[in-house]
Amino acid sequence: MTDRQLAMLQSLATTLEYAKAAERRSREFRVDVEQWIAELIPPAETDSQTVTLPDGTKIVVTRGLTYKADTEAIKKLESPDCPMPLRYETTCKLELGTYEHYRKSKPAVFAQIAEHVEVKPRKVAVAIKETKT
């Protein structure tokens, strides 16, 4: 790399660090503003409350609950006296090591699998790591 390219990269790395810091501060400020708004709008009987401002702007605050269950423990509770219907979900995920193995060693099988796989490029990620001095 030329000295000019290195200088440009140094400048861009510094600019990126500033932009990331500004983005973080902006996100933190947005979250604070959302919290202030939520505190001014009382909870509704339903899970959302809409307030219309004098200029016609509508503000909707939605509140809700999340649930995480120990389904194994719940299954142990199931009995005629305590029916606890559970819906089971499974996740099927492409195992990239096996996929690549078929690509290299079994092209015919790979061709069948590849018909059902969509491959897209990832977003380019750039990380700046400070050097320790």
Protein backbone atom coordinates (compact mmCIF):
# COMPACT_ATOMS: atom_id res chain seq x y z
CA MET A 1 0.00 0.00 0.00
CA THR A 2 1.14 3.48 -0.72
CA ASP A 3 1.64 6.11 1.97
CA ARG A 4 -1.34 8.00 0.56
CA GLN A 5 -3.59 4.91 0.83
CA LEU A 6 -2.43 4.27 4.38
CA ALA A 7 -3.13 7.88 5.33
CA MET A 8 -6.59 7.64 3.77
CA LEU A 9 -7.30 4.40 5.68
CA GLN A 10 -6.14 6.05 8.91
CA SER A 11 -8.48 8.98 8.29
CA LEU A 12 -11.39 6.70 7.44
CA ALA A 13 -10.78 4.52 10.51
CA THR A 14 -10.88 7.60 12.74
CA THR A 15 -14.04 8.85 11.01
CA LEU A 16 -15.68 5.44 11.45
CA GLU A 17 -14.86 5.41 15.16
CA TYR A 18 -16.49 8.85 15.55
CA ALA A 19 -19.55 7.77 13.57
CA LYS A 20 -20.00 4.62 15.66
CA ALA A 21 -19.73 6.62 18.89
CA ALA A 22 -22.30 9.16 17.60
CA GLU A 23 -24.61 6.33 16.56
CA ARG A 24 -24.35 4.76 20.04
CA ARG A 25 -25.12 8.09 21.75
CA SER A 26 -28.03 8.69 19.37
CA ARG A 27 -29.48 5.23 20.08
CA GLU A 28 -29.14 5.74 23.84
CA PHE A 29 -30.87 9.14 23.56
CA ARG A 30 -33.69 7.63 21.46
CA VAL A 31 -34.28 4.93 24.09
CA ASP A 32 -34.38 7.61 26.81
CA VAL A 33 -36.93 9.68 24.85
CA GLU A 34 -39.11 6.61 24.28
CA GLN A 35 -39.05 5.91 28.03
CA TRP A 36 -40.02 9.51 28.85
CA ILE A 37 -42.94 9.28 26.41
CA ALA A 38 -44.06 5.94 27.87
CA GLU A 39 -44.04 7.44 31.37
CA LEU A 40 -46.38 10.24 30.21
CA ILE A 41 -48.87 7.90 28.56
CA PRO A 42 -50.60 5.67 31.11
CA PRO A 43 -51.00 1.96 30.45
CA ALA A 44 -54.19 1.01 28.63
CA GLU A 45 -56.51 -1.86 29.37
CA THR A 46 -55.34 -3.37 26.09
CA ASP A 47 -51.69 -3.70 25.15
CA SER A 48 -51.47 -0.34 23.33
CA GLN A 49 -52.51 3.24 24.01
CA THR A 50 -52.74 5.96 21.37
CA VAL A 51 -52.54 9.67 22.09
CA THR A 52 -53.26 12.24 19.39
CA LEU A 53 -51.44 15.55 19.75
CA PRO A 54 -53.01 18.91 18.82
CA ASP A 55 -51.14 18.95 15.49
CA GLY A 56 -52.59 15.53 14.58
CA THR A 57 -49.49 13.54 15.41
CA LYS A 58 -50.35 10.17 16.94
CA ILE A 59 -48.20 8.50 19.54
CA VAL A 60 -48.79 4.83 20.17
CA VAL A 61 -47.27 3.16 23.21
CA THR A 62 -47.45 -0.62 23.20
CA ARG A 63 -46.73 -2.65 26.27
CA GLY A 64 -46.63 -6.38 26.60
CA LEU A 65 -45.23 -9.37 28.37
CA THR A 66 -42.77 -12.02 27.28
CA TYR A 67 -42.81 -15.59 28.50
CA LYS A 68 -40.01 -18.09 28.82
CA ALA A 69 -41.01 -21.51 30.11
CA ASP A 70 -39.23 -24.55 31.44
CA THR A 71 -41.29 -26.90 29.31
CA GLU A 72 -39.67 -30.00 30.82
CA ALA A 73 -40.89 -28.98 34.26
CA ILE A 74 -44.35 -28.15 32.90
CA LYS A 75 -44.60 -31.56 31.23
CA LYS A 76 -44.07 -33.17 34.64
CA LEU A 77 -47.10 -31.24 35.94
CA GLU A 78 -49.45 -32.58 33.29
CA SER A 79 -52.18 -34.73 34.70
CA PRO A 80 -55.97 -34.98 34.41
CA ASP A 81 -56.19 -32.47 37.27
CA CYS A 82 -53.66 -30.08 35.72
CA PRO A 83 -53.77 -30.15 31.91
CA MET A 84 -51.01 -28.01 30.47
CA PRO A 85 -51.19 -28.18 26.69
CA LEU A 86 -47.84 -27.40 25.11
CA ARG A 87 -47.05 -26.72 21.50
CA TYR A 88 -43.67 -28.01 20.45
CA GLU A 89 -41.49 -26.28 17.91
CA THR A 90 -38.27 -27.54 16.43
CA THR A 91 -35.64 -25.68 14.47
CA CYS A 92 -33.93 -27.14 11.47
CA LYS A 93 -30.74 -25.42 10.43
CA LEU A 94 -28.34 -25.96 7.56
CA GLU A 95 -25.05 -27.36 8.88
CA LEU A 96 -22.45 -25.64 6.73
CA GLY A 97 -19.68 -28.19 7.33
CA THR A 98 -21.83 -31.02 6.01
CA TYR A 99 -23.07 -28.83 3.14
CA GLU A 100 -19.47 -28.11 2.09
CA HIS A 101 -18.56 -31.79 2.49
CA TYR A 102 -21.26 -32.75 -0.02
CA ARG A 103 -20.14 -29.96 -2.36
CA LYS A 104 -16.60 -31.36 -2.43
CA SER A 105 -17.15 -35.11 -2.24
CA LYS A 106 -20.68 -35.87 -3.51
CA PRO A 107 -21.58 -33.40 -6.27
CA ALA A 108 -24.80 -35.21 -7.26
CA VAL A 109 -26.18 -35.06 -3.71
CA PHE A 110 -24.93 -31.50 -3.35
CA ALA A 111 -26.81 -30.48 -6.51
CA GLN A 112 -30.08 -31.79 -5.03
CA ILE A 113 -29.52 -29.98 -1.73
CA ALA A 114 -28.32 -26.76 -3.38
CA GLU A 115 -31.67 -26.41 -5.19
CA HIS A 116 -33.17 -25.61 -1.79
CA VAL A 117 -30.46 -23.28 -0.51
CA GLU A 118 -30.35 -19.56 -1.20
CA VAL A 119 -26.90 -18.04 -0.81
CA LYS A 120 -26.47 -14.27 -0.49
CA PRO A 121 -23.41 -12.21 0.36
CA ARG A 122 -23.22 -10.88 3.90
CA LYS A 123 -23.07 -7.22 4.72
CA VAL A 124 -19.50 -6.10 4.79
CA ALA A 125 -18.36 -5.72 8.39
CA VAL A 126 -15.60 -3.32 9.35
CA ALA A 127 -14.07 -3.35 12.83
CA ILE A 128 -11.50 -0.93 14.16
CA LYS A 129 -9.31 -2.31 16.90
CA GLU A 130 -7.10 0.08 18.77
CA THR A 131 -3.49 -0.88 19.02
CA LYS A 132 -2.12 -1.27 22.51
CA THR A 133 0.67 1.14 23.26
